[in-house]
C-alpha atoms as a PDB file:
ATOM      1  CA  UNK A   1      99.281 139.707  22.163  1.00  0.00           C
ATOM      2  CA  UNK A   2     103.196 139.214  22.656  1.00  0.00           C
ATOM      3  CA  UNK A   3     103.693 136.735  25.908  1.00  0.00           C
ATOM      4  CA  UNK A   4     107.441 136.122  26.871  1.00  0.00           C
ATOM      5  CA  UNK A   5     108.621 134.920  30.046  1.00  0.00           C
ATOM      6  CA  UNK A   6     111.494 137.833  29.617  1.00  0.00           C
ATOM      7  CA  UNK A   7     110.799 141.275  31.487  1.00  0.00           C
ATOM      8  CA  UNK A   8     110.821 142.952  28.277  1.00  0.00           C
ATOM      9  CA  UNK A   9     110.130 142.701  24.615  1.00  0.00           C
ATOM     10  CA  UNK A  10     112.741 143.097  22.408  1.00  0.00           C
ATOM     11  CA  UNK A  11     113.303 146.318  20.328  1.00  0.00           C
ATOM     12  CA  UNK A  12     110.332 147.590  22.406  1.00  0.00           C
ATOM     13  CA  UNK A  13     109.541 149.757  25.224  1.00  0.00           C
ATOM     14  CA  UNK A  14     107.142 149.611  27.737  1.00  0.00           C
ATOM     15  CA  UNK A  15     104.980 152.567  28.263  1.00  0.00           C
ATOM     16  CA  UNK A  16     102.702 151.768  30.460  1.00  0.00           C
ATOM     17  CA  UNK A  17     102.321 148.737  33.450  1.00  0.00           C
ATOM     18  CA  UNK A  18      98.802 147.472  33.833  1.00  0.00           C
ATOM     19  CA  UNK A  19      99.083 144.902  36.524  1.00  0.00           C
ATOM     20  CA  UNK A  20      99.458 141.219  37.652  1.00  0.00           C
ATOM     21  CA  UNK A  21      97.116 139.023  35.215  1.00  0.00           C
ATOM     22  CA  UNK A  22      96.657 135.305  35.879  1.00  0.00           C
ATOM     23  CA  UNK A  23      95.073 132.128  34.101  1.00  0.00           C
ATOM     24  CA  UNK A  24      94.114 129.130  36.194  1.00  0.00           C
ATOM     25  CA  UNK A  25      92.531 125.849  35.255  1.00  0.00           C
ATOM     26  CA  UNK A  26      91.883 122.849  37.276  1.00  0.00           C
ATOM     27  CA  UNK A  27      90.848 119.609  35.670  1.00  0.00           C
ATOM     28  CA  UNK A  28      90.627 116.200  36.563  1.00  0.00           C
ATOM     29  CA  UNK A  29      91.603 112.994  34.191  1.00  0.00           C
ATOM     30  CA  UNK A  30      88.492 110.302  34.024  1.00  0.00           C
ATOM     31  CA  UNK A  31      89.033 107.258  35.268  1.00  0.00           C
ATOM     32  CA  UNK A  32      90.134 105.478  31.929  1.00  0.00           C
ATOM     33  CA  UNK A  33      92.691 107.354  31.526  1.00  0.00           C
ATOM     34  CA  UNK A  34      93.525 107.051  35.437  1.00  0.00           C
ATOM     35  CA  UNK A  35      93.639 103.666  35.220  1.00  0.00           C
ATOM     36  CA  UNK A  36      95.838 103.758  31.955  1.00  0.00           C
ATOM     37  CA  UNK A  37      98.148 105.719  33.905  1.00  0.00           C
ATOM     38  CA  UNK A  38      98.856 103.405  36.459  1.00  0.00           C
ATOM     39  CA  UNK A  39      99.675 100.849  34.054  1.00  0.00           C
ATOM     40  CA  UNK A  40     102.328 103.074  32.585  1.00  0.00           C
ATOM     41  CA  UNK A  41     103.560 103.817  35.975  1.00  0.00           C
ATOM     42  CA  UNK A  42     104.104 100.287  37.049  1.00  0.00           C
ATOM     43  CA  UNK A  43     105.789  98.708  33.627  1.00  0.00           C
ATOM     44  CA  UNK A  44     106.893 102.094  31.969  1.00  0.00           C
ATOM     45  CA  UNK A  45     106.052 104.219  29.213  1.00  0.00           C
ATOM     46  CA  UNK A  46     104.605 107.922  28.455  1.00  0.00           C
ATOM     47  CA  UNK A  47     100.842 108.427  29.541  1.00  0.00           C
ATOM     48  CA  UNK A  48      99.525 110.034  26.360  1.00  0.00           C
ATOM     49  CA  UNK A  49      96.158 110.667  28.275  1.00  0.00           C
ATOM     50  CA  UNK A  50      97.835 112.534  30.896  1.00  0.00           C
ATOM     51  CA  UNK A  51      99.884 114.158  28.379  1.00  0.00           C
ATOM     52  CA  UNK A  52      96.981 115.341  26.361  1.00  0.00           C
ATOM     53  CA  UNK A  53      95.177 116.840  29.479  1.00  0.00           C
ATOM     54  CA  UNK A  54      98.209 118.730  30.606  1.00  0.00           C
ATOM     55  CA  UNK A  55      98.680 120.367  26.585  1.00  0.00           C
ATOM     56  CA  UNK A  56      94.861 121.089  26.723  1.00  0.00           C
ATOM     57  CA  UNK A  57      94.917 122.943  30.583  1.00  0.00           C
ATOM     58  CA  UNK A  58      98.014 124.985  29.719  1.00  0.00           C
ATOM     59  CA  UNK A  59      96.336 126.178  26.501  1.00  0.00           C
ATOM     60  CA  UNK A  60      93.052 127.051  28.562  1.00  0.00           C
ATOM     61  CA  UNK A  61      95.276 129.155  31.241  1.00  0.00           C
ATOM     62  CA  UNK A  62      97.158 130.936  28.635  1.00  0.00           C
ATOM     63  CA  UNK A  63      93.904 131.851  26.510  1.00  0.00           C
ATOM     64  CA  UNK A  64      92.478 132.771  29.843  1.00  0.00           C
ATOM     65  CA  UNK A  65      95.634 134.786  30.830  1.00  0.00           C
ATOM     66  CA  UNK A  66      95.589 136.701  27.234  1.00  0.00           C
ATOM     67  CA  UNK A  67      91.982 137.610  27.661  1.00  0.00           C
ATOM     68  CA  UNK A  68      92.569 139.483  31.141  1.00  0.00           C
ATOM     69  CA  UNK A  69      95.173 141.478  29.373  1.00  0.00           C
ATOM     70  CA  UNK A  70      93.489 142.315  26.617  1.00  0.00           C
ATOM     71  CA  UNK A  71      90.676 143.503  28.679  1.00  0.00           C
ATOM     72  CA  UNK A  72      92.986 145.776  30.319  1.00  0.00           C
ATOM     73  CA  UNK A  73      94.376 147.114  26.823  1.00  0.00           C
ATOM     74  CA  UNK A  74      97.438 145.439  27.007  1.00  0.00           C
ATOM     75  CA  UNK A  75      99.805 144.735  24.217  1.00  0.00           C
ATOM     76  CA  UNK A  76     101.947 142.285  25.499  1.00  0.00           C
ATOM     77  CA  UNK A  77     102.307 140.131  28.971  1.00  0.00           C
ATOM     78  CA  UNK A  78     106.158 139.918  30.440  1.00  0.00           C
ATOM     79  CA  UNK A  79     107.316 137.821  32.921  1.00  0.00           C
ATOM     80  CA  UNK A  80     105.516 135.255  32.367  1.00  0.00           C
ATOM     81  CA  UNK A  81     105.410 132.247  35.303  1.00  0.00           C
ATOM     82  CA  UNK A  82     103.493 128.919  34.752  1.00  0.00           C
ATOM     83  CA  UNK A  83     103.410 126.436  37.550  1.00  0.00           C
ATOM     84  CA  UNK A  84     101.658 123.353  37.821  1.00  0.00           C
ATOM     85  CA  UNK A  85     100.168 121.417  40.931  1.00  0.00           C
ATOM     86  CA  UNK A  86      98.597 117.998  42.064  1.00  0.00           C
ATOM     87  CA  UNK A  87      95.345 118.554  43.839  1.00  0.00           C
ATOM     88  CA  UNK A  88      92.920 116.219  45.913  1.00  0.00           C
ATOM     89  CA  UNK A  89      93.240 113.329  48.153  1.00  0.00           C
ATOM     90  CA  UNK A  90      94.061 110.697  45.271  1.00  0.00           C
ATOM     91  CA  UNK A  91      95.764 113.061  43.550  1.00  0.00           C
ATOM     92  CA  UNK A  92      92.944 113.084  40.679  1.00  0.00           C
ATOM     93  CA  UNK A  93      93.113 117.065  39.953  1.00  0.00           C
ATOM     94  CA  UNK A  94      95.906 119.235  37.832  1.00  0.00           C
ATOM     95  CA  UNK A  95      96.081 122.679  38.827  1.00  0.00           C
ATOM     96  CA  UNK A  96      97.603 124.963  36.268  1.00  0.00           C
ATOM     97  CA  UNK A  97      98.482 128.767  36.804  1.00  0.00           C
ATOM     98  CA  UNK A  98      99.841 131.106  34.683  1.00  0.00           C
ATOM     99  CA  UNK A  99     100.946 134.956  35.690  1.00  0.00           C
ATOM    100  CA  UNK A 100     102.330 137.929  33.895  1.00  0.00           C
ATOM    101  CA  UNK A 101     102.602 141.655  34.003  1.00  0.00           C
ATOM    102  CA  UNK A 102      99.795 142.724  31.524  1.00  0.00           C
ATOM    103  CA  UNK A 103     101.890 146.047  29.611  1.00  0.00           C
ATOM    104  CA  UNK A 104     101.293 148.555  27.076  1.00  0.00           C
ATOM    105  CA  UNK A 105     103.953 149.271  24.626  1.00  0.00           C
ATOM    106  CA  UNK A 106     105.280 151.823  22.866  1.00  0.00           C
END
């Protein structure tokens, strides 16, 4: 499945618009990763635990959107847009959403 942020697929024509599709993931970071991130926040540096969680969540959201588009019979998803939000009173949850338009190509 082709997934693109552009409103078209290069050298292909859209034959049918099937609707907007979404992928959503809400994930939490465990306490040990959170403690490590707290130290990095104080002293500087990258948080590998948070970065790994972010990559995993992003990939899951894309896969979920792709499955939903495939269930509609789509060949591609155009205009994909991803967003990240921090949730919860302690900001311990991360929501990753992606949306795009499922299309059939000629």
